[in-house]
Amino acid sequence: MALSISSPVLAPLRPADIPWRDRPLMSVQAAAAIIGLSTASIYGFAAQGRLELRKLGGRTLVATPSLIALAEAAEPWSASTRHVNAVAGRASRSKAARA
């Protein structure tokens, strides 16, 4: 009986197989989708110096560490009292109009 040594055949690694946090760079579209903003917002953050863009092979790419830093710098959400003031203002204007 002959012994055969078989090695597993590795499939080529596709970009979709790499978790986004492990990629050094990503497309502007992918970055926008990950953080839930438009591509215009991505370019706006870059213009403000809050996000790092790189040019490679004629493409504009987002540096992943800067995207992570931008997301972590987001302010926590808190309820605003603006709507309470707006409702009170409408009620007082309505009352004045009826008088």
Protein backbone atom coordinates (compact mmCIF):
# COMPACT_ATOMS: atom_id res chain seq x y z
CA MET A 1 0.00 0.00 0.00
CA ALA A 2 1.48 3.28 -1.10
CA LEU A 3 1.13 6.31 1.11
CA SER A 4 0.25 9.54 -0.55
CA ILE A 5 0.72 12.89 1.03
CA SER A 6 -1.91 15.30 -0.08
CA SER A 7 -1.75 18.99 0.61
CA PRO A 8 -4.88 21.05 0.70
CA VAL A 9 -5.37 23.25 -2.32
CA LEU A 10 -5.74 26.84 -1.23
CA ALA A 11 -8.22 28.98 -3.07
CA PRO A 12 -6.97 32.38 -4.14
CA LEU A 13 -7.72 35.10 -1.61
CA ARG A 14 -10.40 37.50 -2.81
CA PRO A 15 -10.84 41.05 -1.45
CA ALA A 16 -14.28 40.07 -0.15
CA ASP A 17 -12.60 37.44 2.05
CA ILE A 18 -10.57 40.07 3.93
CA PRO A 19 -12.41 41.82 6.80
CA TRP A 20 -12.64 45.54 6.02
CA ARG A 21 -10.75 46.53 9.18
CA ASP A 22 -7.75 44.48 8.01
CA ARG A 23 -7.48 46.22 4.64
CA PRO A 24 -4.98 49.08 4.50
CA LEU A 25 -7.02 50.93 1.87
CA MET A 26 -10.56 50.77 0.51
CA SER A 27 -12.58 52.49 -2.18
CA VAL A 28 -14.45 55.68 -1.41
CA GLN A 29 -17.70 53.86 -2.18
CA ALA A 30 -16.91 51.04 0.27
CA ALA A 31 -15.94 53.53 2.98
CA ALA A 32 -19.18 55.45 2.45
CA ALA A 33 -21.22 52.24 2.69
CA ILE A 34 -19.42 51.08 5.84
CA ILE A 35 -20.02 54.30 7.77
CA GLY A 36 -23.43 54.99 6.24
CA LEU A 37 -22.69 58.29 4.52
CA SER A 38 -22.53 59.50 0.94
CA THR A 39 -19.36 59.61 -1.13
CA ALA A 40 -19.69 63.41 -1.08
CA SER A 41 -19.49 63.30 2.72
CA ILE A 42 -16.33 61.17 2.48
CA TYR A 43 -14.70 63.77 0.24
CA GLY A 44 -15.94 66.52 2.57
CA PHE A 45 -14.32 64.88 5.60
CA ALA A 46 -11.12 64.53 3.57
CA ALA A 47 -11.22 68.25 2.67
CA GLN A 48 -11.59 69.05 6.39
CA GLY A 49 -8.53 66.92 7.14
CA ARG A 50 -10.55 64.42 9.15
CA LEU A 51 -10.09 61.53 6.69
CA GLU A 52 -6.98 60.43 4.78
CA LEU A 53 -7.28 59.71 1.07
CA ARG A 54 -4.56 58.11 -1.06
CA LYS A 55 -4.04 57.84 -4.82
CA LEU A 56 -2.95 54.44 -6.10
CA GLY A 57 -3.14 53.15 -9.63
CA GLY A 58 -5.28 56.10 -10.69
CA ARG A 59 -7.86 55.41 -7.98
CA THR A 60 -8.71 57.45 -4.92
CA LEU A 61 -8.75 55.24 -1.83
CA VAL A 62 -9.51 55.78 1.85
CA ALA A 63 -6.94 54.83 4.47
CA THR A 64 -8.78 52.40 6.74
CA PRO A 65 -7.19 53.59 10.02
CA SER A 66 -8.43 57.13 9.31
CA LEU A 67 -11.95 55.81 8.63
CA ILE A 68 -11.92 53.93 11.94
CA ALA A 69 -10.69 57.08 13.74
CA LEU A 70 -13.46 59.15 12.11
CA ALA A 71 -16.13 56.68 13.20
CA GLU A 72 -14.77 56.52 16.75
CA ALA A 73 -14.73 60.34 16.95
CA ALA A 74 -18.47 60.54 16.22
CA GLU A 75 -20.46 62.27 18.93
CA PRO A 76 -22.88 60.18 20.94
CA TRP A 77 -26.49 60.87 20.03
CA SER A 78 -28.72 62.61 22.53
CA ALA A 79 -32.29 63.78 22.26
CA SER A 80 -32.71 67.41 21.31
CA THR A 81 -35.17 69.83 22.86
CA ARG A 82 -35.60 71.63 19.53
CA HIS A 83 -38.75 69.69 18.73
CA VAL A 84 -40.29 70.57 22.12
CA ASN A 85 -39.72 74.26 21.47
CA ALA A 86 -41.12 73.95 17.95
CA VAL A 87 -44.30 72.24 19.17
CA ALA A 88 -44.79 74.90 21.86
CA GLY A 89 -44.29 77.67 19.30
CA ARG A 90 -46.83 76.19 16.90
CA ALA A 91 -49.35 75.77 19.72
CA SER A 92 -48.98 79.41 20.81
CA ARG A 93 -49.29 80.68 17.22
CA SER A 94 -52.36 78.52 16.69
CA LYS A 95 -53.92 79.82 19.90
CA ALA A 96 -53.18 83.42 18.91
CA ALA A 97 -54.74 82.85 15.47
CA ARG A 98 -57.95 81.52 17.02
CA ALA A 99 -58.26 84.50 19.35
